[in-house]
Amino acid sequence: MSSREWILMGRACRSMAMPFRASWYNFFPWTFTAETIGGTCSVSPADFLKKAADSIQTFNVEMSPESHDINVRKTFGKNYDNARLEGMIETLVGLGCKRVDLFFMVGLPNQTYQSVMDTVRYCGELMTKFGSNGSTGKVLPLIAPLAPFIDPGSAIFEDPEKYGYRFFYKTLKEHRQAMLMPSWKFALNYETKWMSRDEIVRATYDGALALLELKEQHGVIGKVRAERIRDHLTRAIALSKKITDPGHVDDALREEIFNLNTLDLVCDKHELDWPVKGWKLKVPNLLKLLLTPGNGKQAQGPFDHEDRPAQGALNGE
């Protein structure tokens, strides 16, 4: 799998809280976490979203529901059901949000192969409900594995049995060697009691193919691009089956791996390009918001909440 794909997957699982990003500039995303209630993450209140929308001329949002299954989602401390998730999307669309990117994952606690495929089906329901026809669509779902590693030092890594995980690599040396594996399946440092390593790989590829078909049906991606990605995925699946022993890879197989690693897999990299043009801020509204007594204090909560993750409020790119 290409380094480009690892970046995509890292982007999909960057936080254990529920973040979303409002793009103030094309190169400068602003990250802030949702409201925290009782130590768990809930959706952001509508009045806060309205303040953000009043200050931004053009904005898009990224959210990480992780799964359609509330039991899987709760394991990550995200205490909201699909009705509240869809309510937040509806609020954002009503406030003028151009697009909501939704990141779902494979390899989570309580998640089975069938659960992954049900998540893909739910993605289709969201595209039907909120529109998804190319640049005019409001929802863009993506799915990727929790890969290549569960973060060393995380709660799951330190107490894997509690969360239903089993690790193949524990030391720094082992993780370094894993990064040299010819297939991402063998680089994966874990499996769960609900899905083996092989099942995680199968769910990833089958889920990606099924979601690709739904995106093509809804006009999110054109027929030519969809066929190109489908070809890449099919080749990746076939190649994965050939690599049975990561310690013995002949020159022909190594060349095939190298050629495939230069291609886009799982999704087209341009799907992540946001529909953002021109000046982003509503300067008069922003100044009014900043100068109104009490607004500074109210706005501080979502950014500096005691329970928010260690991730910084602003992430430049």
C-alpha atoms as a PDB file:
ATOM      1  CA  MET A   1       0.000   0.000   0.000  1.00  0.00           C
ATOM      2  CA  SER A   2       1.354   3.417  -0.935  1.00  0.00           C
ATOM      3  CA  SER A   3       2.525   6.079   1.494  1.00  0.00           C
ATOM      4  CA  ARG A   4      -0.265   8.252   0.088  1.00  0.00           C
ATOM      5  CA  GLU A   5      -2.780   5.703   1.307  1.00  0.00           C
ATOM      6  CA  TRP A   6      -1.233   5.555   4.786  1.00  0.00           C
ATOM      7  CA  ILE A   7      -1.676   9.347   4.966  1.00  0.00           C
ATOM      8  CA  LEU A   8      -5.336   8.987   4.024  1.00  0.00           C
ATOM      9  CA  MET A   9      -5.861   6.339   6.676  1.00  0.00           C
ATOM     10  CA  GLY A  10      -4.053   8.385   9.288  1.00  0.00           C
ATOM     11  CA  ARG A  11      -6.331  11.281   8.434  1.00  0.00           C
ATOM     12  CA  ALA A  12      -9.339   9.073   8.904  1.00  0.00           C
ATOM     13  CA  CYS A  13      -8.373   7.932  12.405  1.00  0.00           C
ATOM     14  CA  ARG A  14      -6.446  10.915  13.752  1.00  0.00           C
ATOM     15  CA  SER A  15      -8.588  11.398  16.840  1.00  0.00           C
ATOM     16  CA  MET A  16     -10.487   9.318  19.381  1.00  0.00           C
ATOM     17  CA  ALA A  17     -12.851  12.255  19.948  1.00  0.00           C
ATOM     18  CA  MET A  18     -15.380  13.511  17.403  1.00  0.00           C
ATOM     19  CA  PRO A  19     -13.648  16.309  15.521  1.00  0.00           C
ATOM     20  CA  PHE A  20     -14.765  18.353  12.615  1.00  0.00           C
ATOM     21  CA  ARG A  21     -12.879  20.932  10.616  1.00  0.00           C
ATOM     22  CA  ALA A  22     -14.059  24.195   9.175  1.00  0.00           C
ATOM     23  CA  SER A  23     -11.754  25.378   6.413  1.00  0.00           C
ATOM     24  CA  TRP A  24     -10.993  29.072   6.889  1.00  0.00           C
ATOM     25  CA  TYR A  25      -8.440  28.998   4.102  1.00  0.00           C
ATOM     26  CA  ASN A  26      -7.638  26.297   1.558  1.00  0.00           C
ATOM     27  CA  PHE A  27      -4.410  25.536   3.407  1.00  0.00           C
ATOM     28  CA  PHE A  28      -5.486  26.243   6.986  1.00  0.00           C
ATOM     29  CA  PRO A  29      -8.058  23.925   8.588  1.00  0.00           C
ATOM     30  CA  TRP A  30      -9.393  24.744  12.040  1.00  0.00           C
ATOM     31  CA  THR A  31      -9.971  21.684  14.220  1.00  0.00           C
ATOM     32  CA  PHE A  32     -12.298  21.705  17.183  1.00  0.00           C
ATOM     33  CA  THR A  33     -13.964  18.911  19.123  1.00  0.00           C
ATOM     34  CA  ALA A  34     -17.601  18.365  19.850  1.00  0.00           C
ATOM     35  CA  GLU A  35     -19.305  19.015  23.145  1.00  0.00           C
ATOM     36  CA  THR A  36     -18.202  16.655  25.915  1.00  0.00           C
ATOM     37  CA  ILE A  37     -20.896  15.382  28.263  1.00  0.00           C
ATOM     38  CA  GLY A  38     -20.093  13.134  31.210  1.00  0.00           C
ATOM     39  CA  GLY A  39     -16.686  12.227  29.827  1.00  0.00           C
ATOM     40  CA  THR A  40     -18.102  11.147  26.461  1.00  0.00           C
ATOM     41  CA  CYS A  41     -18.277  13.009  23.191  1.00  0.00           C
ATOM     42  CA  SER A  42     -21.605  14.345  21.944  1.00  0.00           C
ATOM     43  CA  VAL A  43     -22.593  16.425  18.937  1.00  0.00           C
ATOM     44  CA  SER A  44     -22.014  20.159  18.889  1.00  0.00           C
ATOM     45  CA  PRO A  45     -24.997  22.348  19.845  1.00  0.00           C
ATOM     46  CA  ALA A  46     -26.815  24.156  17.039  1.00  0.00           C
ATOM     47  CA  ASP A  47     -26.179  27.626  18.494  1.00  0.00           C
ATOM     48  CA  PHE A  48     -22.423  27.052  18.415  1.00  0.00           C
ATOM     49  CA  LEU A  49     -22.584  25.801  14.822  1.00  0.00           C
ATOM     50  CA  LYS A  50     -24.575  28.885  13.866  1.00  0.00           C
ATOM     51  CA  LYS A  51     -21.904  31.168  15.360  1.00  0.00           C
ATOM     52  CA  ALA A  52     -19.256  29.359  13.340  1.00  0.00           C
ATOM     53  CA  ALA A  53     -21.340  29.574  10.141  1.00  0.00           C
ATOM     54  CA  ASP A  54     -22.024  33.298  10.703  1.00  0.00           C
ATOM     55  CA  SER A  55     -18.268  33.896  10.759  1.00  0.00           C
ATOM     56  CA  ILE A  56     -17.305  31.831   7.703  1.00  0.00           C
ATOM     57  CA  GLN A  57     -18.239  32.595   4.118  1.00  0.00           C
ATOM     58  CA  THR A  58     -17.542  29.096   2.791  1.00  0.00           C
ATOM     59  CA  PHE A  59     -16.948  26.098   4.987  1.00  0.00           C
ATOM     60  CA  ASN A  60     -16.838  22.306   4.944  1.00  0.00           C
ATOM     61  CA  VAL A  61     -16.832  19.843   7.805  1.00  0.00           C
ATOM     62  CA  GLU A  62     -15.139  16.532   8.626  1.00  0.00           C
ATOM     63  CA  MET A  63     -16.620  14.167  11.193  1.00  0.00           C
ATOM     64  CA  SER A  64     -15.594  10.700  12.393  1.00  0.00           C
ATOM     65  CA  PRO A  65     -18.625   8.650  13.469  1.00  0.00           C
ATOM     66  CA  GLU A  66     -16.404   5.530  13.029  1.00  0.00           C
ATOM     67  CA  SER A  67     -19.390   3.164  12.576  1.00  0.00           C
ATOM     68  CA  HIS A  68     -23.140   3.144  11.995  1.00  0.00           C
ATOM     69  CA  ASP A  69     -23.410   0.910  15.088  1.00  0.00           C
ATOM     70  CA  ILE A  70     -23.891   2.885  18.303  1.00  0.00           C
ATOM     71  CA  ASN A  71     -22.340   0.043  20.342  1.00  0.00           C
ATOM     72  CA  VAL A  72     -19.129   0.297  18.326  1.00  0.00           C
ATOM     73  CA  ARG A  73     -19.212   4.089  18.498  1.00  0.00           C
ATOM     74  CA  LYS A  74     -19.693   4.136  22.274  1.00  0.00           C
ATOM     75  CA  THR A  75     -16.499   2.126  22.715  1.00  0.00           C
ATOM     76  CA  PHE A  76     -14.673   5.210  21.456  1.00  0.00           C
ATOM     77  CA  GLY A  77     -16.515   7.460  23.918  1.00  0.00           C
ATOM     78  CA  LYS A  78     -18.891   8.878  21.311  1.00  0.00           C
ATOM     79  CA  ASN A  79     -22.237   8.964  23.021  1.00  0.00           C
ATOM     80  CA  TYR A  80     -24.618   9.883  20.205  1.00  0.00           C
ATOM     81  CA  ASP A  81     -26.919   7.812  18.032  1.00  0.00           C
ATOM     82  CA  ASN A  82     -27.532   8.086  14.298  1.00  0.00           C
ATOM     83  CA  ALA A  83     -30.554  10.336  14.777  1.00  0.00           C
ATOM     84  CA  ARG A  84     -28.380  12.942  16.506  1.00  0.00           C
ATOM     85  CA  LEU A  85     -25.634  12.500  13.916  1.00  0.00           C
ATOM     86  CA  GLU A  86     -28.097  13.070  11.081  1.00  0.00           C
ATOM     87  CA  GLY A  87     -29.625  15.982  12.962  1.00  0.00           C
ATOM     88  CA  MET A  88     -26.212  17.639  13.111  1.00  0.00           C
ATOM     89  CA  ILE A  89     -25.644  17.034   9.391  1.00  0.00           C
ATOM     90  CA  GLU A  90     -29.052  18.555   8.652  1.00  0.00           C
ATOM     91  CA  THR A  91     -28.180  21.580  10.796  1.00  0.00           C
ATOM     92  CA  LEU A  92     -24.865  22.035   9.005  1.00  0.00           C
ATOM     93  CA  VAL A  93     -26.488  21.769   5.567  1.00  0.00           C
ATOM     94  CA  GLY A  94     -29.120  24.309   6.640  1.00  0.00           C
ATOM     95  CA  LEU A  95     -26.373  26.692   7.751  1.00  0.00           C
ATOM     96  CA  GLY A  96     -24.728  26.558   4.317  1.00  0.00           C
ATOM     97  CA  CYS A  97     -22.049  23.913   4.820  1.00  0.00           C
ATOM     98  CA  LYS A  98     -20.833  22.918   1.365  1.00  0.00           C
ATOM     99  CA  ARG A  99     -19.926  19.330   2.263  1.00  0.00           C
ATOM    100  CA  VAL A 100     -19.715  16.994   5.236  1.00  0.00           C
ATOM    101  CA  ASP A 101     -16.998  14.334   5.027  1.00  0.00           C
ATOM    102  CA  LEU A 102     -17.792  11.283   7.163  1.00  0.00           C
ATOM    103  CA  PHE A 103     -14.974   8.925   8.124  1.00  0.00           C
ATOM    104  CA  PHE A 104     -15.812   5.330   9.027  1.00  0.00           C
ATOM    105  CA  MET A 105     -13.313   2.693  10.080  1.00  0.00           C
ATOM    106  CA  VAL A 106     -12.576  -1.029   9.999  1.00  0.00           C
ATOM    107  CA  GLY A 107     -10.981  -2.942  12.881  1.00  0.00           C
ATOM    108  CA  LEU A 108     -12.873  -1.473  15.832  1.00  0.00           C
ATOM    109  CA  PRO A 109     -14.043  -3.108  19.090  1.00  0.00           C
ATOM    110  CA  ASN A 110     -17.354  -4.998  18.773  1.00  0.00           C
ATOM    111  CA  GLN A 111     -17.136  -4.745  14.973  1.00  0.00           C
ATOM    112  CA  THR A 112     -17.665  -7.785  12.755  1.00  0.00           C
ATOM    113  CA  TYR A 113     -17.382  -8.224   8.996  1.00  0.00           C
ATOM    114  CA  GLN A 114     -21.158  -7.895   8.664  1.00  0.00           C
ATOM    115  CA  SER A 115     -21.090  -4.728  10.767  1.00  0.00           C
ATOM    116  CA  VAL A 116     -18.634  -3.179   8.299  1.00  0.00           C
ATOM    117  CA  MET A 117     -20.904  -4.016   5.372  1.00  0.00           C
ATOM    118  CA  ASP A 118     -23.890  -2.602   7.282  1.00  0.00           C
ATOM    119  CA  THR A 119     -21.913   0.613   7.771  1.00  0.00           C
ATOM    120  CA  VAL A 120     -21.438   0.827   4.000  1.00  0.00           C
ATOM    121  CA  ARG A 121     -25.187   0.334   3.529  1.00  0.00           C
ATOM    122  CA  TYR A 122     -25.787   3.187   5.988  1.00  0.00           C
ATOM    123  CA  CYS A 123     -23.458   5.380   3.932  1.00  0.00           C
ATOM    124  CA  GLY A 124     -25.762   4.796   0.970  1.00  0.00           C
ATOM    125  CA  GLU A 125     -28.757   5.843   3.061  1.00  0.00           C
ATOM    126  CA  LEU A 126     -26.989   9.078   4.044  1.00  0.00           C
ATOM    127  CA  MET A 127     -26.148   9.901   0.430  1.00  0.00           C
ATOM    128  CA  THR A 128     -29.768   9.296  -0.521  1.00  0.00           C
ATOM    129  CA  LYS A 129     -31.063  11.479   2.302  1.00  0.00           C
ATOM    130  CA  PHE A 130     -28.695  14.441   2.015  1.00  0.00           C
ATOM    131  CA  GLY A 131     -27.759  14.426  -1.664  1.00  0.00           C
ATOM    132  CA  SER A 132     -24.544  13.300  -3.222  1.00  0.00           C
ATOM    133  CA  ASN A 133     -24.497  14.291  -6.884  1.00  0.00           C
ATOM    134  CA  GLY A 134     -20.896  15.324  -7.503  1.00  0.00           C
ATOM    135  CA  SER A 135     -19.973  18.857  -6.430  1.00  0.00           C
ATOM    136  CA  THR A 136     -23.561  19.595  -5.337  1.00  0.00           C
ATOM    137  CA  GLY A 137     -23.628  16.697  -2.867  1.00  0.00           C
ATOM    138  CA  LYS A 138     -23.698  17.414   0.852  1.00  0.00           C
ATOM    139  CA  VAL A 139     -22.292  14.138   2.219  1.00  0.00           C
ATOM    140  CA  LEU A 140     -19.115  12.255   1.311  1.00  0.00           C
ATOM    141  CA  PRO A 141     -18.592   8.992   3.256  1.00  0.00           C
ATOM    142  CA  LEU A 142     -15.208   7.259   3.335  1.00  0.00           C
ATOM    143  CA  ILE A 143     -14.099   4.013   4.951  1.00  0.00           C
ATOM    144  CA  ALA A 144     -10.601   2.771   5.765  1.00  0.00           C
ATOM    145  CA  PRO A 145      -8.926   0.383   8.203  1.00  0.00           C
ATOM    146  CA  LEU A 146      -7.489   1.416  11.525  1.00  0.00           C
ATOM    147  CA  ALA A 147      -4.008   1.000  10.125  1.00  0.00           C
ATOM    148  CA  PRO A 148      -1.161   0.356  10.084  1.00  0.00           C
ATOM    149  CA  PHE A 149      -0.861   0.436  13.881  1.00  0.00           C
ATOM    150  CA  ILE A 150      -2.899   0.886  17.019  1.00  0.00           C
ATOM    151  CA  ASP A 151      -0.951   3.733  18.606  1.00  0.00           C
ATOM    152  CA  PRO A 152       1.622   2.545  21.161  1.00  0.00           C
ATOM    153  CA  GLY A 153       0.811   4.154  24.499  1.00  0.00           C
ATOM    154  CA  SER A 154      -2.930   4.336  23.793  1.00  0.00           C
ATOM    155  CA  ALA A 155      -5.449   2.768  26.172  1.00  0.00           C
ATOM    156  CA  ILE A 156      -6.052  -0.115  23.753  1.00  0.00           C
ATOM    157  CA  PHE A 157      -2.339  -0.771  23.320  1.00  0.00           C
ATOM    158  CA  GLU A 158      -1.692  -0.788  27.055  1.00  0.00           C
ATOM    159  CA  ASP A 159      -4.673  -2.995  27.927  1.00  0.00           C
ATOM    160  CA  PRO A 160      -5.601  -4.925  24.761  1.00  0.00           C
ATOM    161  CA  GLU A 161      -7.577  -7.701  26.472  1.00  0.00           C
ATOM    162  CA  LYS A 162      -9.973  -5.167  27.985  1.00  0.00           C
ATOM    163  CA  TYR A 163     -10.901  -3.934  24.502  1.00  0.00           C
ATOM    164  CA  GLY A 164     -10.747  -7.292  22.726  1.00  0.00           C
ATOM    165  CA  TYR A 165      -7.467  -6.839  20.836  1.00  0.00           C
ATOM    166  CA  ARG A 166      -4.449  -9.055  20.279  1.00  0.00           C
ATOM    167  CA  PHE A 167      -1.128  -7.549  19.176  1.00  0.00           C
ATOM    168  CA  PHE A 168       1.490  -9.025  16.877  1.00  0.00           C
ATOM    169  CA  TYR A 169       4.074  -6.314  17.580  1.00  0.00           C
ATOM    170  CA  LYS A 170       4.883  -4.563  20.845  1.00  0.00           C
ATOM    171  CA  THR A 171       8.425  -3.181  20.693  1.00  0.00           C
ATOM    172  CA  LEU A 172       9.815  -0.297  18.641  1.00  0.00           C
ATOM    173  CA  LYS A 173      12.047  -2.742  16.754  1.00  0.00           C
ATOM    174  CA  GLU A 174       9.090  -4.944  15.851  1.00  0.00           C
ATOM    175  CA  HIS A 175       7.082  -1.972  14.574  1.00  0.00           C
ATOM    176  CA  ARG A 176      10.026  -0.769  12.506  1.00  0.00           C
ATOM    177  CA  GLN A 177      10.344  -4.210  10.925  1.00  0.00           C
ATOM    178  CA  ALA A 178       6.585  -4.307  10.314  1.00  0.00           C
ATOM    179  CA  MET A 179       6.828  -1.153   8.197  1.00  0.00           C
ATOM    180  CA  LEU A 180       9.058  -3.118   5.783  1.00  0.00           C
ATOM    181  CA  MET A 181       6.464  -5.815   5.186  1.00  0.00           C
ATOM    182  CA  PRO A 182       5.451  -6.345   1.534  1.00  0.00           C
ATOM    183  CA  SER A 183       1.724  -6.219   2.357  1.00  0.00           C
ATOM    184  CA  TRP A 184      -0.238  -3.964   4.723  1.00  0.00           C
ATOM    185  CA  LYS A 185      -1.902  -7.087   6.113  1.00  0.00           C
ATOM    186  CA  PHE A 186       1.390  -8.198   7.635  1.00  0.00           C
ATOM    187  CA  ALA A 187       2.191  -4.660   8.749  1.00  0.00           C
ATOM    188  CA  LEU A 188      -1.061  -4.524  10.719  1.00  0.00           C
ATOM    189  CA  ASN A 189      -0.048  -4.820  14.357  1.00  0.00           C
ATOM    190  CA  TYR A 190      -3.328  -6.199  15.678  1.00  0.00           C
ATOM    191  CA  GLU A 191      -6.449  -8.276  15.244  1.00  0.00           C
ATOM    192  CA  THR A 192      -9.604  -8.323  17.369  1.00  0.00           C
ATOM    193  CA  LYS A 193     -11.682 -11.075  18.952  1.00  0.00           C
ATOM    194  CA  TRP A 194     -14.424 -10.148  16.455  1.00  0.00           C
ATOM    195  CA  MET A 195     -12.235 -10.128  13.323  1.00  0.00           C
ATOM    196  CA  SER A 196      -8.946 -11.824  12.511  1.00  0.00           C
ATOM    197  CA  ARG A 197      -6.248 -10.082  10.528  1.00  0.00           C
ATOM    198  CA  ASP A 198      -7.489 -11.766   7.337  1.00  0.00           C
ATOM    199  CA  GLU A 199     -11.080 -10.739   8.068  1.00  0.00           C
ATOM    200  CA  ILE A 200     -10.039  -7.111   8.633  1.00  0.00           C
ATOM    201  CA  VAL A 201      -8.342  -7.127   5.227  1.00  0.00           C
ATOM    202  CA  ARG A 202     -11.353  -8.770   3.568  1.00  0.00           C
ATOM    203  CA  ALA A 203     -13.784  -6.339   5.224  1.00  0.00           C
ATOM    204  CA  THR A 204     -11.623  -3.401   4.120  1.00  0.00           C
ATOM    205  CA  TYR A 205     -11.540  -4.405   0.468  1.00  0.00           C
ATOM    206  CA  ASP A 206     -15.152  -5.622   0.277  1.00  0.00           C
ATOM    207  CA  GLY A 207     -16.350  -2.488   2.064  1.00  0.00           C
ATOM    208  CA  ALA A 208     -14.332  -0.256  -0.255  1.00  0.00           C
ATOM    209  CA  LEU A 209     -15.741  -1.966  -3.362  1.00  0.00           C
ATOM    210  CA  ALA A 210     -19.320  -1.779  -2.065  1.00  0.00           C
ATOM    211  CA  LEU A 211     -18.966   1.897  -1.119  1.00  0.00           C
ATOM    212  CA  LEU A 212     -17.410   2.653  -4.512  1.00  0.00           C
ATOM    213  CA  GLU A 213     -20.461   1.140  -6.215  1.00  0.00           C
ATOM    214  CA  LEU A 214     -22.799   3.275  -4.079  1.00  0.00           C
ATOM    215  CA  LYS A 215     -20.829   6.427  -4.847  1.00  0.00           C
ATOM    216  CA  GLU A 216     -21.000   5.670  -8.546  1.00  0.00           C
ATOM    217  CA  GLN A 217     -24.763   5.100  -8.309  1.00  0.00           C
ATOM    218  CA  HIS A 218     -25.234   8.433  -6.502  1.00  0.00           C
ATOM    219  CA  GLY A 219     -23.004  10.384  -8.870  1.00  0.00           C
ATOM    220  CA  VAL A 220     -20.314  11.110  -6.290  1.00  0.00           C
ATOM    221  CA  ILE A 221     -17.718   9.682  -8.624  1.00  0.00           C
ATOM    222  CA  GLY A 222     -17.828   9.308 -12.401  1.00  0.00           C
ATOM    223  CA  LYS A 223     -17.909   5.990 -14.237  1.00  0.00           C
ATOM    224  CA  VAL A 224     -14.352   6.279 -15.607  1.00  0.00           C
ATOM    225  CA  ARG A 225     -12.799   7.112 -12.233  1.00  0.00           C
ATOM    226  CA  ALA A 226     -14.875   4.442 -10.509  1.00  0.00           C
ATOM    227  CA  GLU A 227     -13.723   1.801 -12.961  1.00  0.00           C
ATOM    228  CA  ARG A 228     -10.084   2.848 -12.467  1.00  0.00           C
ATOM    229  CA  ILE A 229     -10.329   2.545  -8.682  1.00  0.00           C
ATOM    230  CA  ARG A 230     -12.238  -0.746  -8.997  1.00  0.00           C
ATOM    231  CA  ASP A 231      -9.411  -2.099 -11.139  1.00  0.00           C
ATOM    232  CA  HIS A 232      -6.825  -0.997  -8.572  1.00  0.00           C
ATOM    233  CA  LEU A 233      -8.778  -2.635  -5.739  1.00  0.00           C
ATOM    234  CA  THR A 234      -9.210  -5.861  -7.683  1.00  0.00           C
ATOM    235  CA  ARG A 235      -5.485  -5.978  -8.390  1.00  0.00           C
ATOM    236  CA  ALA A 236      -4.701  -5.278  -4.730  1.00  0.00           C
ATOM    237  CA  ILE A 237      -6.955  -8.141  -3.602  1.00  0.00           C
ATOM    238  CA  ALA A 238      -5.303 -10.545  -6.040  1.00  0.00           C
ATOM    239  CA  LEU A 239      -1.842  -9.407  -4.972  1.00  0.00           C
ATOM    240  CA  SER A 240      -2.694  -9.790  -1.304  1.00  0.00           C
ATOM    241  CA  LYS A 241      -3.609 -13.426  -1.911  1.00  0.00           C
ATOM    242  CA  LYS A 242      -0.244 -14.041  -3.579  1.00  0.00           C
ATOM    243  CA  ILE A 243       1.735 -12.784  -0.583  1.00  0.00           C
ATOM    244  CA  THR A 244       1.448 -15.752   1.752  1.00  0.00           C
ATOM    245  CA  ASP A 245       4.949 -15.564   3.223  1.00  0.00           C
ATOM    246  CA  PRO A 246       6.236 -12.005   3.759  1.00  0.00           C
ATOM    247  CA  GLY A 247       9.770 -13.329   4.203  1.00  0.00           C
ATOM    248  CA  HIS A 248       9.914 -14.808   0.720  1.00  0.00           C
ATOM    249  CA  VAL A 249       9.005 -12.396  -2.069  1.00  0.00           C
ATOM    250  CA  ASP A 250      10.620 -12.986  -5.468  1.00  0.00           C
ATOM    251  CA  ASP A 251      11.635 -10.224  -7.877  1.00  0.00           C
ATOM    252  CA  ALA A 252       8.525 -10.533 -10.059  1.00  0.00           C
ATOM    253  CA  LEU A 253       6.210 -10.217  -7.069  1.00  0.00           C
ATOM    254  CA  ARG A 254       8.266  -7.346  -5.686  1.00  0.00           C
ATOM    255  CA  GLU A 255       7.894  -5.499  -9.010  1.00  0.00           C
ATOM    256  CA  GLU A 256       4.130  -6.054  -8.935  1.00  0.00           C
ATOM    257  CA  ILE A 257       3.988  -4.650  -5.403  1.00  0.00           C
ATOM    258  CA  PHE A 258       6.002  -1.597  -6.415  1.00  0.00           C
ATOM    259  CA  ASN A 259       3.775  -0.862  -9.408  1.00  0.00           C
ATOM    260  CA  LEU A 260       0.584  -1.142  -7.364  1.00  0.00           C
ATOM    261  CA  ASN A 261       1.923   1.121  -4.623  1.00  0.00           C
ATOM    262  CA  THR A 262       2.001   4.044  -7.051  1.00  0.00           C
ATOM    263  CA  LEU A 263      -1.795   3.885  -7.508  1.00  0.00           C
ATOM    264  CA  ASP A 264      -4.743   5.238  -5.530  1.00  0.00           C
ATOM    265  CA  LEU A 265      -6.537   2.591  -3.494  1.00  0.00           C
ATOM    266  CA  VAL A 266      -9.721   2.517  -1.382  1.00  0.00           C
ATOM    267  CA  CYS A 267     -10.790   5.916  -2.809  1.00  0.00           C
ATOM    268  CA  ASP A 268      -9.685   8.566  -5.280  1.00  0.00           C
ATOM    269  CA  LYS A 269      -7.378  11.102  -3.635  1.00  0.00           C
ATOM    270  CA  HIS A 270      -9.326  13.931  -5.291  1.00  0.00           C
ATOM    271  CA  GLU A 271     -12.447  12.950  -3.356  1.00  0.00           C
ATOM    272  CA  LEU A 272     -10.883  14.720  -0.374  1.00  0.00           C
ATOM    273  CA  ASP A 273     -10.597  18.027  -2.255  1.00  0.00           C
ATOM    274  CA  TRP A 274     -13.085  20.421  -0.701  1.00  0.00           C
ATOM    275  CA  PRO A 275     -15.312  22.754  -2.763  1.00  0.00           C
ATOM    276  CA  VAL A 276     -13.666  25.920  -1.432  1.00  0.00           C
ATOM    277  CA  LYS A 277     -13.108  29.023  -3.533  1.00  0.00           C
ATOM    278  CA  GLY A 278     -12.526  32.691  -2.899  1.00  0.00           C
ATOM    279  CA  TRP A 279     -12.505  34.563   0.417  1.00  0.00           C
ATOM    280  CA  LYS A 280     -13.576  32.419   3.366  1.00  0.00           C
ATOM    281  CA  LEU A 281     -14.471  34.759   6.233  1.00  0.00           C
ATOM    282  CA  LYS A 282     -17.460  36.992   6.864  1.00  0.00           C
ATOM    283  CA  VAL A 283     -15.309  39.741   8.332  1.00  0.00           C
ATOM    284  CA  PRO A 284     -18.102  42.071   9.614  1.00  0.00           C
ATOM    285  CA  ASN A 285     -19.910  39.189  11.313  1.00  0.00           C
ATOM    286  CA  LEU A 286     -16.670  37.876  12.756  1.00  0.00           C
ATOM    287  CA  LEU A 287     -15.724  41.258  14.211  1.00  0.00           C
ATOM    288  CA  LYS A 288     -19.215  41.672  15.640  1.00  0.00           C
ATOM    289  CA  LEU A 289     -18.975  38.247  17.253  1.00  0.00           C
ATOM    290  CA  LEU A 290     -15.564  38.970  18.772  1.00  0.00           C
ATOM    291  CA  LEU A 291     -16.571  42.407  20.085  1.00  0.00           C
ATOM    292  CA  THR A 292     -19.883  41.338  21.630  1.00  0.00           C
ATOM    293  CA  PRO A 293     -19.504  41.172  25.444  1.00  0.00           C
ATOM    294  CA  GLY A 294     -19.463  37.612  26.708  1.00  0.00           C
ATOM    295  CA  ASN A 295     -18.899  35.959  23.348  1.00  0.00           C
ATOM    296  CA  GLY A 296     -15.203  35.462  23.987  1.00  0.00           C
ATOM    297  CA  LYS A 297     -15.979  33.469  27.101  1.00  0.00           C
ATOM    298  CA  GLN A 298     -18.715  31.452  25.418  1.00  0.00           C
ATOM    299  CA  ALA A 299     -16.553  30.619  22.443  1.00  0.00           C
ATOM    300  CA  GLN A 300     -13.778  29.363  24.693  1.00  0.00           C
ATOM    301  CA  GLY A 301     -15.595  26.243  25.826  1.00  0.00           C
ATOM    302  CA  PRO A 302     -15.437  24.083  22.692  1.00  0.00           C
ATOM    303  CA  PHE A 303     -11.751  24.896  22.198  1.00  0.00           C
ATOM    304  CA  ASP A 304     -10.385  24.668  25.725  1.00  0.00           C
ATOM    305  CA  HIS A 305     -12.641  22.168  27.441  1.00  0.00           C
ATOM    306  CA  GLU A 306     -10.881  20.272  30.209  1.00  0.00           C
ATOM    307  CA  ASP A 307     -11.958  16.940  28.737  1.00  0.00           C
ATOM    308  CA  ARG A 308     -10.912  17.610  25.166  1.00  0.00           C
ATOM    309  CA  PRO A 309      -8.106  15.480  23.694  1.00  0.00           C
ATOM    310  CA  ALA A 310      -4.515  16.700  23.736  1.00  0.00           C
ATOM    311  CA  GLN A 311      -4.720  17.594  20.043  1.00  0.00           C
ATOM    312  CA  GLY A 312      -4.259  21.304  19.411  1.00  0.00           C
ATOM    313  CA  ALA A 313      -7.193  23.517  18.430  1.00  0.00           C
ATOM    314  CA  LEU A 314      -5.488  24.717  15.255  1.00  0.00           C
ATOM    315  CA  ASN A 315      -3.823  22.426  12.746  1.00  0.00           C
ATOM    316  CA  GLY A 316      -2.136  24.117   9.797  1.00  0.00           C
ATOM    317  CA  GLU A 317      -1.522  22.194   6.607  1.00  0.00           C
END
